[in-house]
Amino acid sequence: MHRLMRVLAATDPALAEHGNRTAHLATEVAVRMGMARDYVERIGAAGRYHDIGKLFISREILDKPGPPTKREWVELRRHPRIGFELIRKRVPAPIAKIVLTHHERVDGQGYPGGISGREIPIEARVLQVADAFDAITSQRPYQPALPVAYAVDELKKYAGTQFDPDAVNGILELVEDPRWADAGSGSRLRDGIAV
């Protein structure tokens, strides 16, 4: 697994950093939601690996400054299944399933399987919210980093359709905590202290 992560970091450092930030944020949300330690650990591991399937997606698509075409979108949507296939024999099955399902939506309109609600592992539902938050608030080839307030509005807008409402509430609680805001999103709160 470490070899794949090194390849990802060497091939696409920004994508690897996104994975690390997403993992960090998702674990913070899981803790806020009162999830058990094993759930938090699975979310952290899956967060680091969640986009590893993009190693096999065309760089032209990944680096494109504008929105993808229909054909490119079909290609992009392959990355969760590719990631699952890459890691499924290297990590515990629940972690691989989180990677596979991190783009499923609670309303069933996600991918790759079109599953909905509680069919989607809770860890994947938490990871999806953290993934979206980091994607919105980070510089991407197709958009500049947008403000936290914009990300919050988007998560609220799609709670119950795209996103799990409990996971959205967990991230809102986190980002509205003045200690988190003062520390920045790259810091952890442990016992109420940013570290």
N, C-alpha and C. Protein backbone atom coordinates (compact mmCIF):
# COMPACT_ATOMS: atom_id res chain seq x y z
N MET A 1 0.82 -1.19 0.00
CA MET A 1 0.00 0.00 0.00
C MET A 1 0.86 1.25 0.00
N HIS A 2 1.93 1.20 0.78
CA HIS A 2 2.80 2.38 0.85
C HIS A 2 3.42 2.68 -0.51
N ARG A 3 3.70 1.63 -1.29
CA ARG A 3 4.26 1.84 -2.62
C ARG A 3 3.28 2.60 -3.51
N LEU A 4 2.00 2.22 -3.47
CA LEU A 4 0.99 2.93 -4.25
C LEU A 4 0.87 4.38 -3.82
N MET A 5 0.94 4.62 -2.52
CA MET A 5 0.85 6.00 -2.03
C MET A 5 2.06 6.82 -2.47
N ARG A 6 3.23 6.19 -2.51
CA ARG A 6 4.43 6.90 -2.99
C ARG A 6 4.30 7.23 -4.47
N VAL A 7 3.74 6.29 -5.24
CA VAL A 7 3.52 6.55 -6.66
C VAL A 7 2.54 7.70 -6.83
N LEU A 8 1.45 7.71 -6.04
CA LEU A 8 0.48 8.80 -6.12
C LEU A 8 1.13 10.13 -5.78
N ALA A 9 1.92 10.16 -4.70
CA ALA A 9 2.58 11.41 -4.29
C ALA A 9 3.56 11.89 -5.35
N ALA A 10 4.27 10.97 -6.00
CA ALA A 10 5.22 11.35 -7.04
C ALA A 10 4.52 11.78 -8.33
N THR A 11 3.43 11.10 -8.66
CA THR A 11 2.72 11.38 -9.90
C THR A 11 1.87 12.63 -9.80
N ASP A 12 1.20 12.79 -8.67
CA ASP A 12 0.27 13.91 -8.50
C ASP A 12 0.30 14.37 -7.04
N PRO A 13 1.29 15.18 -6.68
CA PRO A 13 1.41 15.63 -5.28
C PRO A 13 0.15 16.34 -4.78
N ALA A 14 -0.51 17.11 -5.64
CA ALA A 14 -1.72 17.82 -5.21
C ALA A 14 -2.83 16.83 -4.85
N LEU A 15 -2.95 15.77 -5.61
CA LEU A 15 -3.97 14.76 -5.33
C LEU A 15 -3.66 14.03 -4.03
N ALA A 16 -2.38 13.72 -3.81
CA ALA A 16 -1.98 13.08 -2.55
C ALA A 16 -2.26 13.99 -1.36
N GLU A 17 -1.97 15.28 -1.51
CA GLU A 17 -2.24 16.23 -0.43
C GLU A 17 -3.74 16.33 -0.17
N HIS A 18 -4.54 16.32 -1.26
CA HIS A 18 -5.99 16.33 -1.11
C HIS A 18 -6.44 15.11 -0.30
N GLY A 19 -5.87 13.95 -0.59
CA GLY A 19 -6.21 12.74 0.16
C GLY A 19 -5.89 12.87 1.63
N ASN A 20 -4.73 13.43 1.92
CA ASN A 20 -4.34 13.60 3.33
C ASN A 20 -5.26 14.60 4.04
N ARG A 21 -5.56 15.71 3.38
CA ARG A 21 -6.46 16.70 4.00
C ARG A 21 -7.85 16.12 4.20
N THR A 22 -8.33 15.40 3.20
CA THR A 22 -9.66 14.80 3.29
C THR A 22 -9.71 13.78 4.41
N ALA A 23 -8.68 12.95 4.52
CA ALA A 23 -8.62 11.96 5.60
C ALA A 23 -8.65 12.65 6.96
N HIS A 24 -7.86 13.69 7.09
CA HIS A 24 -7.79 14.43 8.35
C HIS A 24 -9.15 15.03 8.70
N LEU A 25 -9.75 15.69 7.76
CA LEU A 25 -11.04 16.34 7.98
C LEU A 25 -12.12 15.30 8.28
N ALA A 26 -12.15 14.21 7.53
CA ALA A 26 -13.16 13.17 7.73
C ALA A 26 -13.04 12.54 9.11
N THR A 27 -11.81 12.33 9.58
CA THR A 27 -11.66 11.75 10.92
C THR A 27 -12.13 12.74 11.99
N GLU A 28 -11.87 14.01 11.79
CA GLU A 28 -12.36 15.02 12.73
C GLU A 28 -13.88 15.01 12.78
N VAL A 29 -14.51 14.91 11.62
CA VAL A 29 -15.98 14.86 11.56
C VAL A 29 -16.48 13.60 12.27
N ALA A 30 -15.85 12.47 12.00
CA ALA A 30 -16.26 11.21 12.62
C ALA A 30 -16.17 11.29 14.14
N VAL A 31 -15.12 11.91 14.64
CA VAL A 31 -14.99 12.09 16.09
C VAL A 31 -16.12 12.96 16.61
N ARG A 32 -16.42 14.06 15.91
CA ARG A 32 -17.52 14.95 16.30
C ARG A 32 -18.85 14.20 16.32
N MET A 33 -19.00 13.24 15.42
CA MET A 33 -20.24 12.48 15.34
C MET A 33 -20.31 11.37 16.39
N GLY A 34 -19.23 11.20 17.16
CA GLY A 34 -19.20 10.19 18.22
C GLY A 34 -18.98 8.78 17.71
N MET A 35 -18.35 8.66 16.56
CA MET A 35 -18.13 7.33 15.99
C MET A 35 -17.03 6.60 16.76
N ALA A 36 -17.14 5.27 16.79
CA ALA A 36 -16.17 4.43 17.48
C ALA A 36 -14.80 4.54 16.80
N ARG A 37 -13.78 4.25 17.57
CA ARG A 37 -12.39 4.38 17.10
C ARG A 37 -12.12 3.60 15.81
N ASP A 38 -12.65 2.37 15.70
CA ASP A 38 -12.38 1.58 14.49
C ASP A 38 -12.99 2.22 13.26
N TYR A 39 -14.14 2.87 13.40
CA TYR A 39 -14.75 3.60 12.29
C TYR A 39 -13.86 4.78 11.90
N VAL A 40 -13.39 5.51 12.90
CA VAL A 40 -12.54 6.68 12.65
C VAL A 40 -11.27 6.25 11.92
N GLU A 41 -10.68 5.15 12.35
CA GLU A 41 -9.45 4.67 11.71
C GLU A 41 -9.70 4.24 10.27
N ARG A 42 -10.82 3.58 10.02
CA ARG A 42 -11.15 3.18 8.64
C ARG A 42 -11.36 4.40 7.76
N ILE A 43 -12.03 5.41 8.29
CA ILE A 43 -12.26 6.64 7.53
C ILE A 43 -10.94 7.31 7.19
N GLY A 44 -10.01 7.35 8.15
CA GLY A 44 -8.70 7.96 7.89
C GLY A 44 -7.94 7.23 6.80
N ALA A 45 -7.93 5.90 6.87
CA ALA A 45 -7.21 5.12 5.86
C ALA A 45 -7.86 5.29 4.49
N ALA A 46 -9.17 5.17 4.42
CA ALA A 46 -9.86 5.31 3.14
C ALA A 46 -9.71 6.72 2.58
N GLY A 47 -9.67 7.71 3.45
CA GLY A 47 -9.50 9.08 2.98
C GLY A 47 -8.19 9.28 2.24
N ARG A 48 -7.14 8.68 2.75
CA ARG A 48 -5.83 8.81 2.08
C ARG A 48 -5.85 8.12 0.72
N TYR A 49 -6.59 7.02 0.61
CA TYR A 49 -6.60 6.22 -0.62
C TYR A 49 -7.75 6.54 -1.57
N HIS A 50 -8.70 7.38 -1.17
CA HIS A 50 -9.98 7.44 -1.89
C HIS A 50 -9.85 7.80 -3.37
N ASP A 51 -8.85 8.58 -3.75
CA ASP A 51 -8.70 8.97 -5.15
C ASP A 51 -7.55 8.26 -5.86
N ILE A 52 -7.06 7.18 -5.29
CA ILE A 52 -5.91 6.50 -5.88
C ILE A 52 -6.23 5.97 -7.28
N GLY A 53 -7.49 5.71 -7.56
CA GLY A 53 -7.89 5.26 -8.90
C GLY A 53 -7.62 6.29 -9.97
N LYS A 54 -7.46 7.55 -9.56
CA LYS A 54 -7.17 8.60 -10.55
C LYS A 54 -5.78 8.46 -11.16
N LEU A 55 -4.95 7.57 -10.59
CA LEU A 55 -3.66 7.28 -11.22
C LEU A 55 -3.85 6.74 -12.64
N PHE A 56 -5.03 6.15 -12.89
CA PHE A 56 -5.29 5.54 -14.19
C PHE A 56 -6.32 6.31 -15.01
N ILE A 57 -6.51 7.57 -14.67
CA ILE A 57 -7.36 8.47 -15.43
C ILE A 57 -6.44 9.43 -16.18
N SER A 58 -6.77 9.74 -17.40
CA SER A 58 -5.95 10.60 -18.24
C SER A 58 -5.61 11.92 -17.55
N ARG A 59 -4.34 12.30 -17.62
CA ARG A 59 -3.90 13.59 -17.06
C ARG A 59 -4.61 14.74 -17.75
N GLU A 60 -4.88 14.59 -19.04
CA GLU A 60 -5.58 15.66 -19.77
C GLU A 60 -6.94 15.94 -19.14
N ILE A 61 -7.61 14.89 -18.69
CA ILE A 61 -8.91 15.07 -18.04
C ILE A 61 -8.73 15.66 -16.65
N LEU A 62 -7.80 15.11 -15.88
CA LEU A 62 -7.61 15.57 -14.51
C LEU A 62 -7.13 17.02 -14.44
N ASP A 63 -6.32 17.43 -15.42
CA ASP A 63 -5.74 18.78 -15.39
C ASP A 63 -6.53 19.79 -16.22
N LYS A 64 -7.63 19.37 -16.78
CA LYS A 64 -8.41 20.24 -17.64
C LYS A 64 -8.95 21.44 -16.85
N PRO A 65 -8.77 22.66 -17.36
CA PRO A 65 -9.23 23.83 -16.62
C PRO A 65 -10.74 24.03 -16.60
N GLY A 66 -11.45 23.46 -17.52
CA GLY A 66 -12.90 23.65 -17.57
C GLY A 66 -13.65 22.39 -17.17
N PRO A 67 -14.98 22.43 -17.28
CA PRO A 67 -15.77 21.25 -16.92
C PRO A 67 -15.54 20.11 -17.91
N PRO A 68 -15.68 18.86 -17.42
CA PRO A 68 -15.48 17.72 -18.32
C PRO A 68 -16.63 17.57 -19.32
N THR A 69 -16.30 17.02 -20.48
CA THR A 69 -17.33 16.65 -21.46
C THR A 69 -18.03 15.39 -20.95
N LYS A 70 -19.09 14.99 -21.63
CA LYS A 70 -19.79 13.76 -21.24
C LYS A 70 -18.85 12.56 -21.27
N ARG A 71 -18.04 12.47 -22.33
CA ARG A 71 -17.09 11.34 -22.44
C ARG A 71 -16.08 11.39 -21.31
N GLU A 72 -15.56 12.58 -21.00
CA GLU A 72 -14.58 12.72 -19.91
C GLU A 72 -15.22 12.40 -18.56
N TRP A 73 -16.48 12.78 -18.40
CA TRP A 73 -17.17 12.50 -17.15
C TRP A 73 -17.32 10.99 -16.94
N VAL A 74 -17.62 10.25 -18.01
CA VAL A 74 -17.70 8.80 -17.93
C VAL A 74 -16.36 8.23 -17.46
N GLU A 75 -15.29 8.75 -18.01
CA GLU A 75 -13.95 8.30 -17.62
C GLU A 75 -13.65 8.64 -16.15
N LEU A 76 -13.95 9.85 -15.74
CA LEU A 76 -13.71 10.27 -14.34
C LEU A 76 -14.46 9.39 -13.36
N ARG A 77 -15.66 9.01 -13.72
CA ARG A 77 -16.51 8.23 -12.81
C ARG A 77 -15.98 6.81 -12.60
N ARG A 78 -14.97 6.42 -13.34
CA ARG A 78 -14.37 5.09 -13.17
C ARG A 78 -13.44 5.02 -11.97
N HIS A 79 -12.98 6.18 -11.45
CA HIS A 79 -11.91 6.14 -10.45
C HIS A 79 -12.25 5.42 -9.15
N PRO A 80 -13.49 5.46 -8.62
CA PRO A 80 -13.72 4.69 -7.40
C PRO A 80 -13.57 3.18 -7.60
N ARG A 81 -14.06 2.67 -8.73
CA ARG A 81 -13.93 1.23 -8.99
C ARG A 81 -12.47 0.86 -9.22
N ILE A 82 -11.74 1.69 -9.97
CA ILE A 82 -10.31 1.43 -10.19
C ILE A 82 -9.57 1.41 -8.86
N GLY A 83 -9.85 2.41 -8.02
CA GLY A 83 -9.21 2.47 -6.71
C GLY A 83 -9.52 1.24 -5.87
N PHE A 84 -10.78 0.83 -5.89
CA PHE A 84 -11.19 -0.38 -5.17
C PHE A 84 -10.39 -1.58 -5.65
N GLU A 85 -10.28 -1.76 -6.96
CA GLU A 85 -9.54 -2.90 -7.51
C GLU A 85 -8.06 -2.85 -7.14
N LEU A 86 -7.50 -1.64 -7.08
CA LEU A 86 -6.09 -1.49 -6.73
C LEU A 86 -5.81 -1.89 -5.28
N ILE A 87 -6.73 -1.57 -4.38
CA ILE A 87 -6.42 -1.76 -2.95
C ILE A 87 -7.13 -2.93 -2.29
N ARG A 88 -8.10 -3.54 -2.94
CA ARG A 88 -8.96 -4.51 -2.25
C ARG A 88 -8.23 -5.72 -1.68
N LYS A 89 -7.09 -6.08 -2.24
CA LYS A 89 -6.32 -7.20 -1.69
C LYS A 89 -5.21 -6.73 -0.76
N ARG A 90 -5.11 -5.42 -0.57
CA ARG A 90 -4.03 -4.86 0.24
C ARG A 90 -4.51 -4.25 1.55
N VAL A 91 -5.82 -4.03 1.66
CA VAL A 91 -6.38 -3.40 2.85
C VAL A 91 -7.59 -4.21 3.32
N PRO A 92 -8.02 -4.01 4.57
CA PRO A 92 -9.24 -4.70 5.01
C PRO A 92 -10.43 -4.34 4.11
N ALA A 93 -11.33 -5.30 3.93
CA ALA A 93 -12.48 -5.13 3.03
C ALA A 93 -13.30 -3.87 3.32
N PRO A 94 -13.56 -3.50 4.59
CA PRO A 94 -14.36 -2.28 4.82
C PRO A 94 -13.70 -1.01 4.27
N ILE A 95 -12.38 -0.94 4.30
CA ILE A 95 -11.69 0.23 3.76
C ILE A 95 -11.84 0.28 2.24
N ALA A 96 -11.66 -0.86 1.60
CA ALA A 96 -11.83 -0.92 0.15
C ALA A 96 -13.25 -0.53 -0.25
N LYS A 97 -14.24 -0.97 0.54
CA LYS A 97 -15.64 -0.63 0.22
C LYS A 97 -15.89 0.87 0.37
N ILE A 98 -15.26 1.50 1.33
CA ILE A 98 -15.40 2.96 1.49
C ILE A 98 -14.87 3.66 0.25
N VAL A 99 -13.71 3.23 -0.23
CA VAL A 99 -13.13 3.82 -1.45
C VAL A 99 -14.10 3.62 -2.62
N LEU A 100 -14.67 2.44 -2.74
CA LEU A 100 -15.59 2.15 -3.83
C LEU A 100 -16.83 3.03 -3.78
N THR A 101 -17.33 3.33 -2.59
CA THR A 101 -18.63 3.98 -2.46
C THR A 101 -18.56 5.47 -2.10
N HIS A 102 -17.40 6.09 -2.15
CA HIS A 102 -17.29 7.47 -1.68
C HIS A 102 -17.95 8.51 -2.60
N HIS A 103 -18.42 8.10 -3.78
CA HIS A 103 -19.19 9.01 -4.64
C HIS A 103 -20.65 8.58 -4.80
N GLU A 104 -21.08 7.65 -3.96
CA GLU A 104 -22.50 7.33 -3.94
C GLU A 104 -23.23 8.47 -3.24
N ARG A 105 -24.50 8.64 -3.55
CA ARG A 105 -25.30 9.71 -2.96
C ARG A 105 -26.45 9.12 -2.16
N VAL A 106 -26.87 9.81 -1.12
CA VAL A 106 -27.96 9.28 -0.31
C VAL A 106 -29.26 9.15 -1.10
N ASP A 107 -29.42 9.92 -2.17
CA ASP A 107 -30.63 9.82 -2.99
C ASP A 107 -30.52 8.76 -4.09
N GLY A 108 -29.40 8.03 -4.14
CA GLY A 108 -29.22 6.97 -5.12
C GLY A 108 -28.73 7.42 -6.47
N GLN A 109 -28.41 8.70 -6.63
CA GLN A 109 -27.99 9.23 -7.92
C GLN A 109 -26.47 9.27 -8.10
N GLY A 110 -25.73 8.62 -7.19
CA GLY A 110 -24.28 8.63 -7.27
C GLY A 110 -23.73 7.49 -8.11
N TYR A 111 -22.45 7.24 -7.93
CA TYR A 111 -21.77 6.20 -8.71
C TYR A 111 -20.69 5.55 -7.86
N PRO A 112 -20.26 4.34 -8.18
CA PRO A 112 -20.52 3.57 -9.39
C PRO A 112 -21.77 2.69 -9.33
N GLY A 113 -22.35 2.46 -8.15
CA GLY A 113 -23.43 1.48 -8.05
C GLY A 113 -24.83 2.02 -7.96
N GLY A 114 -24.98 3.33 -7.74
CA GLY A 114 -26.31 3.91 -7.61
C GLY A 114 -27.03 3.46 -6.35
N ILE A 115 -26.27 3.11 -5.31
CA ILE A 115 -26.89 2.72 -4.04
C ILE A 115 -27.29 3.97 -3.27
N SER A 116 -28.13 3.80 -2.26
CA SER A 116 -28.65 4.97 -1.57
C SER A 116 -28.69 4.79 -0.06
N GLY A 117 -28.88 5.91 0.63
CA GLY A 117 -29.10 5.92 2.07
C GLY A 117 -28.14 5.06 2.85
N ARG A 118 -28.72 4.21 3.68
CA ARG A 118 -27.90 3.38 4.58
C ARG A 118 -27.24 2.20 3.88
N GLU A 119 -27.52 2.01 2.60
CA GLU A 119 -26.75 1.01 1.83
C GLU A 119 -25.30 1.47 1.71
N ILE A 120 -25.09 2.77 1.76
CA ILE A 120 -23.74 3.35 1.67
C ILE A 120 -23.14 3.30 3.07
N PRO A 121 -21.95 2.73 3.22
CA PRO A 121 -21.34 2.70 4.55
C PRO A 121 -21.26 4.12 5.16
N ILE A 122 -21.52 4.22 6.45
CA ILE A 122 -21.48 5.52 7.11
C ILE A 122 -20.11 6.17 6.92
N GLU A 123 -19.05 5.36 6.90
CA GLU A 123 -17.72 5.92 6.70
C GLU A 123 -17.61 6.61 5.35
N ALA A 124 -18.21 6.02 4.32
CA ALA A 124 -18.18 6.62 2.98
C ALA A 124 -19.00 7.90 2.94
N ARG A 125 -20.11 7.92 3.68
CA ARG A 125 -20.94 9.13 3.72
C ARG A 125 -20.20 10.28 4.40
N VAL A 126 -19.45 9.97 5.43
CA VAL A 126 -18.64 11.00 6.10
C VAL A 126 -17.51 11.44 5.18
N LEU A 127 -16.84 10.48 4.56
CA LEU A 127 -15.73 10.80 3.66
C LEU A 127 -16.20 11.67 2.50
N GLN A 128 -17.38 11.40 1.96
CA GLN A 128 -17.88 12.18 0.83
C GLN A 128 -18.03 13.65 1.21
N VAL A 129 -18.53 13.93 2.39
CA VAL A 129 -18.72 15.31 2.83
C VAL A 129 -17.35 16.00 2.99
N ALA A 130 -16.40 15.31 3.60
CA ALA A 130 -15.06 15.89 3.75
C ALA A 130 -14.39 16.09 2.40
N ASP A 131 -14.57 15.15 1.49
CA ASP A 131 -14.01 15.24 0.14
C ASP A 131 -14.56 16.47 -0.58
N ALA A 132 -15.87 16.65 -0.51
CA ALA A 132 -16.49 17.81 -1.17
C ALA A 132 -16.01 19.12 -0.55
N PHE A 133 -15.94 19.15 0.77
CA PHE A 133 -15.49 20.37 1.45
C PHE A 133 -14.07 20.74 1.01
N ASP A 134 -13.17 19.75 1.01
CA ASP A 134 -11.80 20.04 0.61
C ASP A 134 -11.71 20.41 -0.86
N ALA A 135 -12.48 19.75 -1.71
CA ALA A 135 -12.46 20.07 -3.15
C ALA A 135 -12.91 21.51 -3.39
N ILE A 136 -13.91 21.95 -2.64
CA ILE A 136 -14.42 23.31 -2.82
C ILE A 136 -13.43 24.35 -2.30
N THR A 137 -12.81 24.07 -1.17
CA THR A 137 -11.98 25.08 -0.50
C THR A 137 -10.51 25.02 -0.90
N SER A 138 -10.16 24.16 -1.84
CA SER A 138 -8.77 24.02 -2.31
C SER A 138 -8.66 24.42 -3.77
N GLN A 139 -7.50 24.87 -4.16
CA GLN A 139 -7.22 25.20 -5.56
C GLN A 139 -7.29 23.93 -6.39
N ARG A 140 -8.06 23.97 -7.47
CA ARG A 140 -8.19 22.84 -8.38
C ARG A 140 -7.92 23.34 -9.79
N PRO A 141 -7.56 22.45 -10.73
CA PRO A 141 -7.33 22.91 -12.10
C PRO A 141 -8.55 23.62 -12.69
N TYR A 142 -9.75 23.20 -12.30
CA TYR A 142 -10.97 23.73 -12.88
C TYR A 142 -11.60 24.87 -12.08
N GLN A 143 -11.03 25.20 -10.89
CA GLN A 143 -11.60 26.31 -10.11
C GLN A 143 -10.61 26.78 -9.06
N PRO A 144 -10.69 28.05 -8.69
CA PRO A 144 -9.87 28.54 -7.58
C PRO A 144 -10.44 28.03 -6.26
N ALA A 145 -9.66 28.12 -5.21
CA ALA A 145 -10.17 27.79 -3.88
C ALA A 145 -11.29 28.76 -3.54
N LEU A 146 -12.39 28.22 -3.07
CA LEU A 146 -13.55 29.04 -2.72
C LEU A 146 -13.65 29.15 -1.20
N PRO A 147 -14.33 30.17 -0.69
CA PRO A 147 -14.40 30.38 0.76
C PRO A 147 -15.13 29.25 1.50
N VAL A 148 -14.75 29.08 2.76
CA VAL A 148 -15.41 28.10 3.62
C VAL A 148 -16.92 28.34 3.65
N ALA A 149 -17.33 29.60 3.71
CA ALA A 149 -18.76 29.92 3.75
C ALA A 149 -19.49 29.37 2.53
N TYR A 150 -18.86 29.42 1.37
CA TYR A 150 -19.46 28.87 0.15
C TYR A 150 -19.59 27.35 0.29
N ALA A 151 -18.54 26.69 0.78
CA ALA A 151 -18.58 25.24 0.97
C ALA A 151 -19.70 24.86 1.93
N VAL A 152 -19.83 25.60 3.01
CA VAL A 152 -20.88 25.34 3.99
C VAL A 152 -22.26 25.45 3.34
N ASP A 153 -22.45 26.50 2.54
CA ASP A 153 -23.74 26.67 1.86
C ASP A 153 -24.04 25.51 0.91
N GLU A 154 -23.03 25.04 0.18
CA GLU A 154 -23.23 23.92 -0.75
C GLU A 154 -23.57 22.64 0.00
N LEU A 155 -22.87 22.38 1.10
CA LEU A 155 -23.16 21.17 1.86
C LEU A 155 -24.57 21.21 2.43
N LYS A 156 -24.97 22.37 2.95
CA LYS A 156 -26.34 22.50 3.48
C LYS A 156 -27.37 22.32 2.36
N LYS A 157 -27.09 22.90 1.21
CA LYS A 157 -28.02 22.85 0.08
C LYS A 157 -28.30 21.41 -0.37
N TYR A 158 -27.27 20.57 -0.34
CA TYR A 158 -27.40 19.21 -0.84
C TYR A 158 -27.49 18.15 0.25
N ALA A 159 -27.65 18.58 1.51
CA ALA A 159 -27.87 17.62 2.60
C ALA A 159 -29.21 16.93 2.37
N GLY A 160 -29.18 15.61 2.41
CA GLY A 160 -30.40 14.84 2.20
C GLY A 160 -30.59 14.36 0.77
N THR A 161 -29.86 14.92 -0.18
CA THR A 161 -29.90 14.44 -1.56
C THR A 161 -28.54 13.85 -1.91
N GLN A 162 -27.53 14.69 -2.02
CA GLN A 162 -26.19 14.19 -2.30
C GLN A 162 -25.52 13.71 -1.02
N PHE A 163 -25.66 14.49 0.04
CA PHE A 163 -24.90 14.23 1.26
C PHE A 163 -25.77 13.74 2.41
N ASP A 164 -25.17 12.92 3.26
CA ASP A 164 -25.82 12.47 4.47
C ASP A 164 -25.99 13.65 5.43
N PRO A 165 -27.20 13.94 5.86
CA PRO A 165 -27.42 15.11 6.74
C PRO A 165 -26.62 15.06 8.04
N ASP A 166 -26.46 13.87 8.63
CA ASP A 166 -25.70 13.79 9.87
C ASP A 166 -24.22 14.12 9.64
N ALA A 167 -23.69 13.67 8.51
CA ALA A 167 -22.30 13.99 8.19
C ALA A 167 -22.14 15.49 7.91
N VAL A 168 -23.12 16.08 7.24
CA VAL A 168 -23.09 17.53 7.00
C VAL A 168 -23.12 18.26 8.34
N ASN A 169 -24.00 17.85 9.24
CA ASN A 169 -24.05 18.49 10.56
C ASN A 169 -22.73 18.35 11.29
N GLY A 170 -22.08 17.19 11.14
CA GLY A 170 -20.78 16.99 11.79
C GLY A 170 -19.72 17.94 11.28
N ILE A 171 -19.67 18.15 9.97
CA ILE A 171 -18.65 19.06 9.44
C ILE A 171 -19.00 20.51 9.75
N LEU A 172 -20.29 20.84 9.77
CA LEU A 172 -20.68 22.21 10.12
C LEU A 172 -20.31 22.52 11.55
N GLU A 173 -20.53 21.56 12.44
CA GLU A 173 -20.15 21.74 13.84
C GLU A 173 -18.64 21.98 13.95
N LEU A 174 -17.87 21.23 13.16
CA LEU A 174 -16.42 21.37 13.19
C LEU A 174 -15.98 22.75 12.68
N VAL A 175 -16.44 23.13 11.50
CA VAL A 175 -15.95 24.38 10.91
C VAL A 175 -16.49 25.61 11.63
N GLU A 176 -17.60 25.46 12.35
CA GLU A 176 -18.13 26.58 13.12
C GLU A 176 -17.48 26.71 14.48
N ASP A 177 -16.68 25.74 14.88
CA ASP A 177 -15.97 25.80 16.15
C ASP A 177 -14.85 26.84 16.03
N PRO A 178 -14.88 27.91 16.82
CA PRO A 178 -13.86 28.96 16.68
C PRO A 178 -12.44 28.44 16.89
N ARG A 179 -12.30 27.39 17.68
CA ARG A 179 -10.95 26.83 17.89
C ARG A 179 -10.43 26.21 16.61
N TRP A 180 -11.31 25.57 15.82
CA TRP A 180 -10.90 24.99 14.54
C TRP A 180 -10.57 26.10 13.56
N ALA A 181 -11.42 27.12 13.51
CA ALA A 181 -11.18 28.24 12.59
C ALA A 181 -9.88 28.95 12.93
N ASP A 182 -9.61 29.16 14.22
CA ASP A 182 -8.38 29.83 14.63
C ASP A 182 -7.14 29.00 14.29
N ALA A 183 -7.29 27.67 14.40
CA ALA A 183 -6.16 26.79 14.14
C ALA A 183 -5.96 26.55 12.65
N GLY A 184 -7.01 26.76 11.87
CA GLY A 184 -6.94 26.44 10.44
C GLY A 184 -7.35 25.00 10.22
N SER A 185 -7.79 24.69 9.02
CA SER A 185 -8.32 23.36 8.74
C SER A 185 -7.25 22.29 8.76
N GLY A 186 -5.99 22.67 8.75
CA GLY A 186 -4.92 21.67 8.78
C GLY A 186 -4.56 21.22 10.18
N SER A 187 -5.19 21.77 11.19
CA SER A 187 -4.87 21.42 12.56
C SER A 187 -5.94 20.53 13.17
N ARG A 188 -5.55 19.79 14.16
CA ARG A 188 -6.48 18.91 14.88
C ARG A 188 -6.85 19.55 16.20
N LEU A 189 -8.07 19.28 16.62
CA LEU A 189 -8.47 19.65 17.97
C LEU A 189 -8.39 18.40 18.81
N ARG A 190 -7.62 18.42 19.88
CA ARG A 190 -7.54 17.30 20.80
C ARG A 190 -7.83 17.84 22.18
N ASP A 191 -8.87 17.32 22.81
CA ASP A 191 -9.29 17.80 24.12
C ASP A 191 -9.52 19.30 24.10
N GLY A 192 -10.08 19.79 22.97
CA GLY A 192 -10.41 21.21 22.89
C GLY A 192 -9.24 22.11 22.56
N ILE A 193 -8.07 21.53 22.26
CA ILE A 193 -6.89 22.35 21.97
C ILE A 193 -6.41 22.02 20.57
N ALA A 194 -6.17 23.03 19.75
CA ALA A 194 -5.66 22.79 18.41
C ALA A 194 -4.23 22.29 18.49
N VAL A 195 -3.95 21.19 17.80
CA VAL A 195 -2.59 20.64 17.78
C VAL A 195 -2.13 20.41 16.36
